[in-house]
Protein backbone atom coordinates (compact mmCIF):
# COMPACT_ATOMS: atom_id res chain seq x y z
CA MET A 1 -15.38 -7.26 8.48
CA ARG A 2 -15.47 -3.49 8.72
CA ALA A 3 -12.19 -1.72 7.98
CA PHE A 4 -11.55 1.76 9.36
CA LEU A 5 -8.73 4.16 8.64
CA PRO A 6 -7.23 5.97 11.66
CA LEU A 7 -9.44 8.90 12.66
CA LEU A 8 -8.15 11.96 14.51
CA VAL A 9 -11.31 12.44 16.54
CA MET A 10 -10.06 15.46 18.49
CA GLY A 11 -9.64 17.41 15.27
CA LEU A 12 -12.95 16.45 13.72
CA VAL A 13 -15.50 16.38 16.49
CA ALA A 14 -17.24 19.62 15.63
CA LEU A 15 -17.01 22.75 13.58
CA PRO A 16 -16.50 26.10 15.32
CA ALA A 17 -19.83 27.70 16.12
CA CYS A 18 -19.18 30.60 13.75
CA ARG A 19 -18.34 28.36 10.77
CA CYS A 20 -21.68 26.85 9.85
CA GLY A 21 -21.59 24.67 6.75
CA PRO A 22 -23.26 25.98 3.60
CA ALA A 23 -26.20 24.24 2.01
CA THR A 24 -24.10 23.21 -0.99
CA ALA A 25 -20.56 21.86 -0.98
CA THR A 26 -17.91 23.46 -3.22
CA PRO A 27 -15.83 20.76 -4.98
CA VAL A 28 -12.09 21.28 -5.39
CA THR A 29 -9.72 19.81 -7.97
CA LEU A 30 -6.53 18.42 -6.35
CA ARG A 31 -3.85 18.44 -9.02
CA VAL A 32 -0.35 16.96 -8.86
CA LYS A 33 2.24 18.21 -11.35
CA ASN A 34 5.61 16.52 -11.46
CA THR A 35 7.90 19.38 -12.43
CA GLY A 36 11.04 17.43 -11.55
CA LYS A 37 13.35 15.46 -13.83
CA ASP A 38 12.66 12.10 -12.15
CA ALA A 39 9.45 10.13 -11.64
CA ILE A 40 7.78 10.42 -8.25
CA LEU A 41 5.95 7.58 -6.52
CA VAL A 42 2.79 8.21 -4.49
CA ARG A 43 0.45 5.98 -2.48
CA ASP A 44 -2.72 5.48 -4.52
CA THR A 45 -4.49 2.57 -2.82
CA LYS A 46 -7.78 4.49 -2.62
CA GLY A 47 -7.12 6.68 -5.64
CA GLN A 48 -5.79 9.47 -3.41
CA LEU A 49 -2.76 10.25 -5.65
CA GLY A 50 -0.64 10.74 -2.53
CA VAL A 51 -2.74 13.79 -1.52
CA THR A 52 -4.61 14.28 1.76
CA VAL A 53 -6.76 17.21 2.82
CA GLN A 54 -6.11 18.83 6.19
CA ARG A 55 -8.11 21.16 8.41
CA ASN A 56 -6.82 23.65 10.96
CA VAL A 57 -8.18 23.09 14.44
CA ASN A 58 -6.91 25.38 17.20
CA GLY A 59 -3.76 26.16 15.26
CA GLN A 60 -2.89 22.56 14.35
CA TRP A 61 -3.42 20.82 11.01
CA PHE A 62 -5.26 17.49 11.05
CA SER A 63 -5.75 15.15 8.08
CA PHE A 64 -9.19 13.69 7.46
CA ASP A 65 -10.37 10.96 5.13
CA ASP A 66 -11.88 12.75 2.15
CA LEU A 67 -12.42 9.41 0.34
CA PRO A 68 -14.32 7.49 3.02
CA CYS A 69 -16.01 4.15 2.61
CA GLU A 70 -19.79 4.50 2.76
CA CYS A 71 -19.96 1.88 5.50
CA GLN A 72 -18.05 4.25 7.81
CA SER A 73 -20.80 6.86 7.63
CA CYS A 74 -23.12 7.33 10.59
CA ALA A 75 -26.02 6.70 8.20
CA ARG A 76 -24.82 3.15 7.47
CA ILE A 77 -22.61 2.18 10.40
CA CYS A 78 -25.42 0.10 11.88
CA GLU A 79 -25.81 -2.05 8.74
CA ARG A 80 -23.99 -5.26 9.55
CA SER A 81 -24.00 -6.34 5.92
CA CYS A 82 -22.16 -3.20 4.80
CA ARG A 83 -18.47 -3.95 4.33
CA CYS A 84 -15.51 -1.74 3.47
CA PRO A 85 -12.64 -3.06 1.35
CA ASP A 86 -10.12 -5.05 3.34
CA ALA A 87 -7.65 -2.59 4.88
CA GLY A 88 -4.93 -5.23 4.77
CA ILE A 89 -4.56 -5.36 1.00
CA SER A 90 -1.28 -4.36 -0.58
CA ASP A 91 -0.68 -0.69 -1.22
CA GLN A 92 -1.13 0.52 -4.74
CA VAL A 93 1.57 2.92 -5.89
CA LEU A 94 1.30 5.37 -8.75
CA ALA A 95 4.39 6.45 -10.69
CA ILE A 96 4.03 9.99 -12.06
CA PRO A 97 6.65 10.56 -14.79
CA PRO A 98 8.58 13.81 -15.29
CA ASN A 99 6.26 16.51 -16.65
CA GLY A 100 3.35 14.24 -15.79
CA GLN A 101 0.11 15.51 -14.29
CA VAL A 102 -2.72 13.75 -12.45
CA GLU A 103 -5.72 15.09 -10.60
CA ARG A 104 -8.75 14.08 -8.58
CA ALA A 105 -11.65 15.85 -6.94
CA TRP A 106 -12.43 16.54 -3.30
CA ASP A 107 -16.17 16.97 -3.04
CA GLY A 108 -15.83 19.76 -0.47
CA VAL A 109 -17.34 17.65 2.31
CA ILE A 110 -15.68 17.35 5.71
CA GLN A 111 -16.03 14.05 7.54
CA VAL A 112 -16.81 14.95 11.15
CA ALA A 113 -16.55 12.33 13.86
CA GLY A 114 -19.83 10.98 15.24
CA PHE A 115 -21.04 8.02 17.27
CA SER A 116 -23.75 5.50 16.47
CA CYS A 117 -24.51 1.86 17.37
CA GLY A 118 -21.62 1.95 19.82
CA GLN A 119 -19.09 2.81 17.13
CA VAL A 120 -17.23 5.87 15.91
CA CYS A 121 -18.62 6.94 12.54
CA LEU A 122 -18.34 9.76 10.01
CA SER A 123 -20.90 12.48 9.56
CA PRO A 124 -20.59 14.66 6.43
CA GLU A 125 -20.68 18.47 6.63
CA ASN A 126 -20.14 20.88 3.78
CA ALA A 127 -16.98 22.94 4.10
CA PRO A 128 -17.34 26.76 4.11
CA SER A 129 -16.13 27.98 0.75
CA ASP A 130 -13.94 30.70 2.32
CA GLU A 131 -12.31 28.53 5.01
CA THR A 132 -8.59 27.87 4.56
CA PHE A 133 -7.64 24.22 4.21
CA GLN A 134 -4.35 22.55 3.38
CA ALA A 135 -3.52 19.89 0.80
CA GLN A 136 -0.51 17.67 1.53
CA LEU A 137 1.36 15.68 -1.12
CA CYS A 138 3.71 12.93 0.12
CA PHE A 139 5.96 11.01 -2.25
CA VAL A 140 9.19 9.09 -2.67
CA SER A 141 11.49 8.76 -5.65
CA GLN A 142 12.27 5.08 -5.14
CA ILE A 143 11.04 2.04 -3.24
CA ASP A 144 13.73 -0.38 -2.14
CA GLY A 145 13.78 -3.48 -4.33
CA VAL A 146 10.99 -2.27 -6.62
CA LYS A 147 11.41 -1.11 -10.21
CA PRO A 148 8.39 1.00 -11.25
CA PRO A 149 7.01 1.03 -14.79
CA PRO A 150 9.24 3.23 -17.00
CA ASP A 151 6.28 5.15 -18.41
CA GLY A 152 4.38 5.59 -15.15
CA GLY A 153 1.29 3.71 -14.01
CA ARG A 154 0.04 1.84 -10.95
CA PHE A 155 1.64 -1.19 -9.36
CA ALA A 156 1.42 -3.08 -6.09
CA ALA A 157 4.13 -2.39 -3.52
CA GLY A 158 4.50 -1.56 0.14
CA PHE A 159 4.89 2.19 0.56
CA PRO A 160 7.76 3.47 2.74
CA GLN A 161 7.03 4.70 6.25
CA PRO A 162 6.37 8.43 6.79
CA GLU A 163 9.90 9.31 7.87
CA LEU A 164 11.20 8.20 4.45
CA GLN A 165 8.69 10.29 2.52
CA THR A 166 9.01 13.86 1.28
CA CYS A 167 5.90 15.97 1.85
CA VAL A 168 4.85 19.37 0.54
CA VAL A 169 1.74 21.39 1.47
CA ARG A 170 -0.34 24.09 -0.18
CA GLN A 171 -3.07 26.13 1.51
CA PHE A 172 -6.29 26.87 -0.35
CA GLN A 173 -9.94 27.81 -0.01
CA PRO A 174 -12.68 25.74 -1.67
CA GLN A 175 -13.91 28.81 -3.55
CA GLN A 176 -10.65 28.83 -5.50
CA GLY A 177 -11.69 25.60 -7.22
CA VAL A 178 -8.20 24.18 -7.87
CA VAL A 179 -5.09 23.54 -5.80
CA GLU A 180 -1.83 22.38 -7.41
CA LEU A 181 1.07 20.61 -5.72
CA SER A 182 4.51 19.81 -7.12
CA PRO A 183 7.76 18.34 -5.76
CA PRO A 184 9.88 21.15 -4.36
CA ARG A 185 12.76 22.42 -6.45
CA GLY A 186 15.81 22.73 -4.24
CA ALA A 187 18.37 25.49 -4.31
CA ASP A 188 21.09 25.34 -6.93
CA CYS A 189 24.26 23.77 -5.60
CA SER A 190 27.67 22.42 -6.50
CA ARG A 191 28.34 20.56 -3.23
CA ARG A 192 26.46 19.35 -0.19
CA ALA A 193 27.60 22.31 1.91
CA ASP A 194 25.45 24.56 -0.30
CA CYS A 195 22.30 22.78 0.91
CA ARG A 196 20.66 24.02 4.11
CA GLY A 197 17.54 21.87 4.32
CA LEU A 198 17.20 18.85 6.60
CA ASP A 199 18.95 15.77 5.12
CA GLU A 200 19.44 17.48 1.74
CA LEU A 201 22.06 16.28 -0.73
CA CYS A 202 23.43 18.10 -3.75
CA LEU A 203 22.36 15.85 -6.63
CA GLY A 204 22.20 16.88 -10.26
CA GLY A 205 22.98 20.51 -9.43
CA SER A 206 20.12 21.05 -6.98
CA CYS A 207 19.48 20.37 -3.30
CA THR A 208 17.05 17.57 -2.52
CA ALA A 209 15.99 15.51 0.49
CA ALA A 210 14.50 12.86 -1.80
CA CYS A 211 16.43 10.00 -3.41
CA PRO A 212 16.29 10.09 -7.22
CA PRO A 213 16.66 6.68 -8.90
CA ASN A 214 20.22 5.50 -9.40
CA ALA A 215 22.08 2.41 -10.53
CA PHE A 216 24.45 2.16 -7.59
CA PRO A 217 24.72 -1.43 -6.33
CA ALA A 218 23.36 -2.57 -3.02
CA GLN A 219 25.69 -4.26 -0.55
CA PRO A 220 27.25 -7.20 -2.42
CA GLU A 221 28.71 -10.01 -0.39
CA LEU A 222 32.43 -9.45 -0.65
CA PHE A 223 33.99 -11.67 1.98
CA VAL A 224 37.28 -13.36 2.83
CA THR A 225 37.70 -16.84 4.31
CA VAL A 226 40.91 -18.61 5.27
CA SER A 227 41.97 -22.24 5.69
CA ASN A 228 45.12 -22.80 7.71
CA MET A 229 47.04 -26.07 7.56
CA GLY A 230 50.27 -24.75 9.00
CA PHE A 231 50.92 -21.84 6.61
CA PHE A 232 49.66 -19.04 8.85
CA THR A 233 50.84 -17.93 12.26
CA GLU A 234 48.11 -16.34 14.37
CA ALA A 235 48.44 -13.31 16.63
CA ARG A 236 46.06 -10.91 18.37
CA GLU A 237 46.59 -7.18 18.51
CA PRO A 238 46.77 -5.55 21.97
CA ASP A 239 43.60 -4.55 23.82
CA GLY A 240 41.50 -7.22 22.16
CA GLY A 241 41.96 -5.81 18.67
CA ARG A 242 42.11 -7.65 15.38
CA VAL A 243 43.13 -11.27 15.01
CA LEU A 244 45.94 -11.55 12.45
CA GLN A 245 47.01 -14.56 10.41
CA ILE A 246 50.36 -14.04 8.69
CA GLY A 247 52.25 -16.38 6.42
CA GLU A 248 55.15 -16.30 3.95
CA GLY A 249 55.80 -18.83 1.25
CA THR A 250 54.87 -19.73 -2.31
CA LEU A 251 51.69 -18.86 -4.17
CA VAL A 252 51.12 -22.32 -5.61
CA ALA A 253 48.00 -21.57 -7.66
CA THR A 254 45.37 -18.93 -8.30
CA GLN A 255 42.00 -19.55 -9.89
CA PHE A 256 38.48 -18.17 -10.08
CA VAL A 257 35.64 -20.52 -9.20
CA GLY A 258 32.61 -18.48 -10.20
CA ASP A 259 33.17 -15.15 -8.52
CA VAL A 260 35.47 -16.58 -5.82
CA LEU A 261 39.22 -15.99 -6.14
CA GLN A 262 41.12 -18.91 -4.61
CA LEU A 263 44.74 -18.45 -3.53
CA SER A 264 46.56 -21.73 -2.70
CA LEU A 265 49.67 -21.30 -0.57
CA ALA A 266 52.57 -23.42 0.64
CA GLY A 267 55.22 -22.63 3.24
CA PRO A 268 57.87 -24.29 5.41
CA ASN A 269 55.31 -25.40 7.99
CA GLY A 270 52.37 -26.37 5.80
CA ALA A 271 49.72 -25.16 3.40
CA GLY A 272 46.90 -22.67 3.41
CA ARG A 273 44.21 -21.17 1.23
CA VAL A 274 42.45 -17.83 1.08
CA ASP A 275 39.12 -17.46 -0.72
CA VAL A 276 37.92 -13.99 -1.68
CA LYS A 277 34.42 -13.58 -3.06
CA LEU A 278 34.46 -10.72 -5.58
CA PRO A 279 30.85 -10.42 -6.80
CA GLY A 280 29.94 -8.25 -9.72
CA GLY A 281 31.91 -9.75 -12.61
CA LEU A 282 34.56 -7.04 -12.66
CA GLY A 283 37.46 -9.47 -12.39
CA GLY A 284 40.39 -9.30 -10.04
CA PRO A 285 44.17 -9.56 -9.84
CA THR A 286 46.43 -11.54 -12.14
CA LEU A 287 48.97 -13.09 -9.75
CA SER A 288 51.96 -15.16 -10.81
CA ASN A 289 51.96 -18.78 -9.70
CA ASN A 290 55.06 -20.04 -7.84
CA ALA A 291 55.87 -16.47 -6.75
CA ARG A 292 57.13 -15.81 -3.25
CA VAL A 293 54.51 -13.84 -1.29
CA ARG A 294 53.57 -12.59 2.15
CA VAL A 295 49.86 -12.93 2.93
CA GLU A 296 48.11 -11.30 5.86
CA VAL A 297 44.49 -11.88 6.88
CA ALA A 298 43.03 -9.51 9.49
CA ALA A 299 39.78 -10.37 11.28
CA GLN A 300 37.66 -7.54 12.71
CA ARG A 301 34.79 -8.25 15.07
CA ASP A 302 31.75 -6.36 16.31
CA GLY A 303 29.48 -8.35 18.61
CA ASP A 304 28.58 -11.58 16.83
CA LYS A 305 29.75 -10.32 13.42
CA THR A 306 33.23 -11.05 12.07
CA TRP A 307 34.68 -9.88 8.75
CA ARG A 308 38.16 -10.29 7.30
CA GLY A 309 40.43 -8.32 5.02
CA VAL A 310 43.43 -9.69 3.13
CA THR A 311 46.65 -8.32 1.64
CA VAL A 312 49.12 -10.05 -0.66
CA ARG A 313 52.63 -8.62 -1.06
CA SER A 314 55.58 -9.71 -3.17
CA GLU A 315 58.85 -10.94 -1.76
CA ALA A 316 60.03 -7.31 -2.05
CA ARG A 317 56.96 -6.22 0.00
CA GLU A 318 55.25 -4.64 -2.99
CA LEU A 319 51.46 -4.57 -2.54
CA LEU A 320 49.86 -6.84 -5.16
CA PHE A 321 46.31 -7.29 -3.90
CA ALA A 322 44.01 -6.24 -1.06
CA ALA A 323 40.32 -6.74 -0.31
CA ASP A 324 38.19 -5.56 2.61
CA PRO A 325 34.42 -5.94 3.25
CA ALA A 326 34.67 -2.91 5.59
CA LEU A 327 31.41 -3.63 7.39
CA GLY A 328 30.98 -0.81 9.88
CA SER A 329 34.72 -0.30 10.04
CA PRO A 330 37.60 -1.50 7.83
CA ALA A 331 39.42 -4.72 8.67
CA LEU A 332 42.58 -3.34 7.04
CA THR A 333 44.52 -0.41 8.47
CA ALA A 334 46.50 2.33 6.75
CA ALA A 335 49.70 0.40 7.48
CA ASP A 336 48.28 -2.70 5.76
CA LEU A 337 47.73 -0.76 2.52
CA ALA A 338 50.83 1.50 2.55
CA PRO A 339 52.01 3.22 0.42
CA TYR A 340 48.39 3.36 -0.79
CA ALA A 341 45.29 4.57 1.02
CA VAL A 342 41.59 3.99 0.39
CA THR A 343 39.26 6.58 1.88
CA LEU A 344 35.53 7.20 1.80
CA GLU A 345 34.76 10.67 0.46
CA ASP A 346 32.40 13.00 2.31
CA GLU A 347 30.26 14.18 -0.60
CA GLY A 348 27.12 12.13 -1.24
CA VAL A 349 26.58 11.08 -4.87
CA GLY A 350 23.17 9.46 -4.42
CA CYS A 351 20.99 7.76 -1.86
CA ARG A 352 18.64 4.86 -1.32
CA LEU A 353 15.71 4.45 1.06
CA ASP A 354 15.74 1.27 3.13
CA ALA A 355 12.57 0.26 4.96
CA VAL A 356 14.59 -1.19 7.86
CA CYS A 357 17.71 0.97 8.05
CA GLY A 358 16.58 4.35 6.70
CA LYS A 359 18.46 6.49 4.19
CA PHE A 360 21.78 5.21 2.84
CA VAL A 361 23.93 7.92 1.25
CA PHE A 362 26.29 6.62 -1.44
CA ALA A 363 29.79 8.08 -1.77
CA ASN A 364 32.88 7.65 -3.90
CA GLN A 365 36.03 6.02 -2.59
CA ALA A 366 39.43 7.52 -3.33
CA LEU A 367 42.67 5.63 -3.97
CA SER A 368 45.81 7.65 -3.29
CA ASN A 369 49.57 7.06 -3.12
CA GLY A 370 50.67 10.24 -1.37
CA THR A 371 51.18 12.27 -4.53
CA ALA A 372 48.13 11.48 -6.67
CA SER A 373 44.64 10.12 -6.22
CA VAL A 374 41.64 8.86 -8.18
CA SER A 375 37.98 9.05 -7.15
CA VAL A 376 35.86 6.00 -7.98
CA ALA A 377 32.05 5.85 -7.94
CA PRO A 378 30.17 2.94 -6.30
CA GLY A 379 30.23 -0.14 -8.52
CA LYS A 380 33.05 1.19 -10.72
CA LEU A 381 36.76 0.56 -11.37
CA GLY A 382 39.43 3.24 -11.38
CA SER A 383 43.20 3.20 -11.99
CA LEU A 384 45.99 5.18 -10.35
CA GLY A 385 49.31 5.46 -12.16
CA SER A 386 50.33 3.83 -15.42
CA GLY A 387 52.28 0.90 -16.79
CA THR A 388 53.61 -1.66 -14.37
CA GLN A 389 53.07 0.73 -11.46
CA ALA A 390 49.33 1.17 -12.05
CA MET A 391 47.05 0.16 -9.21
CA ARG A 392 43.35 -0.50 -9.80
CA LEU A 393 40.59 0.18 -7.25
CA TRP A 394 37.18 -1.43 -7.38
CA ASN A 395 34.69 0.49 -5.27
CA VAL A 396 32.32 -2.42 -4.78
CA THR A 397 29.83 -0.02 -3.20
CA ALA A 398 30.14 2.54 -0.45
CA GLY A 399 28.25 4.94 1.77
CA ARG A 400 26.80 5.72 5.16
CA TYR A 401 23.56 5.42 7.07
CA GLY A 402 22.44 8.31 9.24
CA ALA A 403 23.63 8.57 12.82
CA SER A 404 20.23 7.43 14.13
CA SER A 405 20.16 4.26 12.02
CA ARG A 406 20.53 0.92 13.76
CA CYS A 407 22.39 -0.49 10.74
CA ALA A 408 26.14 -0.40 10.17
CA SER A 409 27.52 1.48 7.18
CA TYR A 410 29.76 -0.32 4.69
CA ARG A 411 32.32 0.33 1.94
CA PRO A 412 33.70 -2.95 0.52
CA TYR A 413 36.57 -2.55 -1.92
CA ALA A 414 39.37 -4.43 -3.65
CA LEU A 415 42.58 -3.14 -5.20
CA TRP A 416 45.24 -4.86 -7.22
CA ARG A 417 48.24 -4.15 -9.39
CA GLU A 418 47.58 -4.07 -13.10
CA PRO A 419 48.94 -7.06 -15.04
CA ARG A 420 52.57 -6.55 -16.02
């Protein structure tokens, strides 16, 4: 089976009449220098090092295959036994470490579109040594779900689609002999507002549209389920809003089963139980058995998706525990958490590229009580106050997708009073 890469025929049909190819091609070294502080990942399936060569045709730059398979040439296109490597194989990705350098050669030959044996084929022509070409380097800093070798090297992985890649270009003439490309160094910054480029974040003191590696957790499955055997009374908010289940009585028992916190309840009209999955091994509240409590479970719905938040308050209405998956929008309102508030901060602290949903920008969540606040990074715990009045916030993970993404943002969290 012959395998052909896409060919921009309109840009490669012929050379301008005044640009006749020389008798000898002038080879060019294409060099990639990683001057950044993080590794970069480039597609290297054909040994291209993430670099393509482009030619200007009528004011527009077109990429051409400067590493063609011989079977695509017009000289061999008619040979039925000539086979190119299977185009369906997995991408090969090369990790170039910080301060790393790799290079390859372009032989200085342009592959011009031709036609033979009823098929489009490639006809080689030597590039004029004084014509201006363009080299384009495209890279990413991370691939979702893939951990590259720590010291660089090649590995098999699907490469992200073009809109998730960062690309830089450098113009050159073959007679120069060498063209070097490096990841762009963004402007110095202290906050995102200092960055003017498209989709740039202020990370590590410089503006970047790429996503450097980070250890922020992906979306863990924090969720709340409820069993009602007479303990809860159900009500629906006006205008088809949240469904509320409210009950007052005795907290009979609390226990962790794996990472699920189980709250067993008893009241005048029956029993109930609330299960809260708190993944991540960071613990949860220490609640007193046989204490009088008021428990509220709020269900939020969007289409066929439903998620629930829960609050537990003491007999004196002191907030003891709250948890909310906050998928798209929070299930708990400001009134549910009062006198505390949990808010998603605007400043991005990192990002992740998702092949389906696009760029997810991580952010801290802040816990406040009206007079003081604490900012907590994704995956971390933070405390507000001290002693018996201290409240702890677990920012399970948090952030936003871009406005054009089809995926809902999320910011699951839990907060609880420190043990007395």
